[in-house]
Amino acid sequence: MPKRVLQGTVVSDKGEKTIVVKVERRFTHPVMKKTVRRSKNYHAHDEANSAKVGQTVFIEECRPFSKLKTWKLVEGEAAPSTEAGEAA
């Protein structure tokens, strides 16, 4: 079974080797037929402490590292908007 990969924004990097990533999903409301945005925070393992607040990153499902951490940062991949923001 393939591992899920999500894209989100880092909202916290305070923990040691841990980041908190906010992932936003959009869907059409079944009754109102209006596009609704829902977000959820995921704790992810960041071995190198490389991610900073505000970066857009990819996280991948993995074995549990702790009670809350069942995701890890995908190394070597950064979202295109992150690189464009730093270059400007």
C-alpha atoms as a PDB file:
ATOM      1  CA  MET A   1       0.000   0.000   0.000  1.00  0.00           C
ATOM      2  CA  PRO A   2       1.502   3.371  -0.973  1.00  0.00           C
ATOM      3  CA  LYS A   3       2.295   5.897   1.721  1.00  0.00           C
ATOM      4  CA  ARG A   4       0.278   9.087   1.769  1.00  0.00           C
ATOM      5  CA  VAL A   5       2.140  12.319   1.033  1.00  0.00           C
ATOM      6  CA  LEU A   6       0.639  15.656   2.087  1.00  0.00           C
ATOM      7  CA  GLN A   7       1.684  19.242   1.381  1.00  0.00           C
ATOM      8  CA  GLY A   8       1.394  21.897   4.059  1.00  0.00           C
ATOM      9  CA  THR A   9       2.916  24.898   5.792  1.00  0.00           C
ATOM     10  CA  VAL A  10       5.171  24.675   8.831  1.00  0.00           C
ATOM     11  CA  VAL A  11       3.502  26.498  11.744  1.00  0.00           C
ATOM     12  CA  SER A  12       5.931  25.480  14.506  1.00  0.00           C
ATOM     13  CA  ASP A  13       9.515  24.228  14.715  1.00  0.00           C
ATOM     14  CA  LYS A  14       9.984  24.604  18.479  1.00  0.00           C
ATOM     15  CA  GLY A  15      10.313  20.888  19.249  1.00  0.00           C
ATOM     16  CA  GLU A  16      13.563  18.955  18.987  1.00  0.00           C
ATOM     17  CA  LYS A  17      13.411  17.096  15.629  1.00  0.00           C
ATOM     18  CA  THR A  18       9.686  17.873  15.422  1.00  0.00           C
ATOM     19  CA  ILE A  19       7.678  20.238  13.242  1.00  0.00           C
ATOM     20  CA  VAL A  20       3.965  21.001  13.158  1.00  0.00           C
ATOM     21  CA  VAL A  21       2.536  21.215   9.635  1.00  0.00           C
ATOM     22  CA  LYS A  22      -0.867  22.722   8.807  1.00  0.00           C
ATOM     23  CA  VAL A  23      -2.485  20.853   5.898  1.00  0.00           C
ATOM     24  CA  GLU A  24      -5.500  22.475   4.255  1.00  0.00           C
ATOM     25  CA  ARG A  25      -8.118  20.583   2.259  1.00  0.00           C
ATOM     26  CA  ARG A  26     -10.916  22.007   0.150  1.00  0.00           C
ATOM     27  CA  PHE A  27     -14.211  20.341  -0.659  1.00  0.00           C
ATOM     28  CA  THR A  28     -17.711  21.220  -1.790  1.00  0.00           C
ATOM     29  CA  HIS A  29     -20.268  21.304   1.005  1.00  0.00           C
ATOM     30  CA  PRO A  30     -22.909  18.625   0.351  1.00  0.00           C
ATOM     31  CA  VAL A  31     -25.922  20.874   1.086  1.00  0.00           C
ATOM     32  CA  MET A  32     -24.716  24.439   0.476  1.00  0.00           C
ATOM     33  CA  LYS A  33     -22.658  23.552  -2.636  1.00  0.00           C
ATOM     34  CA  LYS A  34     -20.054  26.065  -1.528  1.00  0.00           C
ATOM     35  CA  THR A  35     -16.303  25.388  -1.409  1.00  0.00           C
ATOM     36  CA  VAL A  36     -15.242  24.935   2.216  1.00  0.00           C
ATOM     37  CA  ARG A  37     -11.680  24.989   3.592  1.00  0.00           C
ATOM     38  CA  ARG A  38     -10.731  22.745   6.496  1.00  0.00           C
ATOM     39  CA  SER A  39      -7.274  22.491   8.025  1.00  0.00           C
ATOM     40  CA  LYS A  40      -5.559  20.041  10.328  1.00  0.00           C
ATOM     41  CA  ASN A  41      -2.209  20.098  12.125  1.00  0.00           C
ATOM     42  CA  TYR A  42       0.155  17.138  11.802  1.00  0.00           C
ATOM     43  CA  HIS A  43       3.249  16.555  13.943  1.00  0.00           C
ATOM     44  CA  ALA A  44       6.110  15.359  11.734  1.00  0.00           C
ATOM     45  CA  HIS A  45       9.634  14.087  12.354  1.00  0.00           C
ATOM     46  CA  ASP A  46      12.397  16.396  11.055  1.00  0.00           C
ATOM     47  CA  GLU A  47      15.697  14.578  11.614  1.00  0.00           C
ATOM     48  CA  ALA A  48      17.943  17.480  10.576  1.00  0.00           C
ATOM     49  CA  ASN A  49      15.838  20.315  12.094  1.00  0.00           C
ATOM     50  CA  SER A  50      15.942  21.875   8.611  1.00  0.00           C
ATOM     51  CA  ALA A  51      12.354  23.138   8.212  1.00  0.00           C
ATOM     52  CA  LYS A  52      11.539  26.683   9.313  1.00  0.00           C
ATOM     53  CA  VAL A  53       8.217  28.371  10.123  1.00  0.00           C
ATOM     54  CA  GLY A  54       6.392  29.510   6.989  1.00  0.00           C
ATOM     55  CA  GLN A  55       8.007  26.992   4.627  1.00  0.00           C
ATOM     56  CA  THR A  56       5.819  24.826   2.427  1.00  0.00           C
ATOM     57  CA  VAL A  57       6.878  21.194   2.836  1.00  0.00           C
ATOM     58  CA  PHE A  58       5.857  17.642   1.987  1.00  0.00           C
ATOM     59  CA  ILE A  59       5.267  15.080   4.735  1.00  0.00           C
ATOM     60  CA  GLU A  60       4.977  11.319   4.325  1.00  0.00           C
ATOM     61  CA  GLU A  61       3.134   8.755   6.410  1.00  0.00           C
ATOM     62  CA  CYS A  62       5.460   6.439   8.360  1.00  0.00           C
ATOM     63  CA  ARG A  63       5.759   4.301  11.467  1.00  0.00           C
ATOM     64  CA  PRO A  64       4.935   6.008  14.788  1.00  0.00           C
ATOM     65  CA  PHE A  65       7.848   7.966  16.245  1.00  0.00           C
ATOM     66  CA  SER A  66       5.829   8.923  19.324  1.00  0.00           C
ATOM     67  CA  LYS A  67       2.237   9.330  20.522  1.00  0.00           C
ATOM     68  CA  LEU A  68       1.539  12.156  18.055  1.00  0.00           C
ATOM     69  CA  LYS A  69       4.236  11.786  15.377  1.00  0.00           C
ATOM     70  CA  THR A  70       3.328   9.345  12.596  1.00  0.00           C
ATOM     71  CA  TRP A  71       4.586  11.519   9.721  1.00  0.00           C
ATOM     72  CA  LYS A  72       8.072  12.445   8.560  1.00  0.00           C
ATOM     73  CA  LEU A  73       9.470  15.288   6.485  1.00  0.00           C
ATOM     74  CA  VAL A  74      10.274  14.325   2.893  1.00  0.00           C
ATOM     75  CA  GLU A  75      13.937  15.242   2.422  1.00  0.00           C
ATOM     76  CA  GLY A  76      15.159  17.016  -0.708  1.00  0.00           C
ATOM     77  CA  GLU A  77      11.719  18.195  -1.808  1.00  0.00           C
ATOM     78  CA  ALA A  78      10.504  21.728  -1.300  1.00  0.00           C
ATOM     79  CA  ALA A  79       7.342  23.202  -2.738  1.00  0.00           C
ATOM     80  CA  PRO A  80       7.894  25.673  -5.603  1.00  0.00           C
ATOM     81  CA  SER A  81       6.370  28.615  -3.709  1.00  0.00           C
ATOM     82  CA  THR A  82       9.011  28.300  -0.962  1.00  0.00           C
ATOM     83  CA  GLU A  83      11.964  28.719  -3.314  1.00  0.00           C
ATOM     84  CA  ALA A  84      10.353  31.635  -5.162  1.00  0.00           C
ATOM     85  CA  GLY A  85       9.684  33.440  -1.866  1.00  0.00           C
ATOM     86  CA  GLU A  86      13.287  33.147  -0.692  1.00  0.00           C
ATOM     87  CA  ALA A  87      14.736  34.315  -4.036  1.00  0.00           C
ATOM     88  CA  ALA A  88      12.746  37.550  -4.008  1.00  0.00           C
END
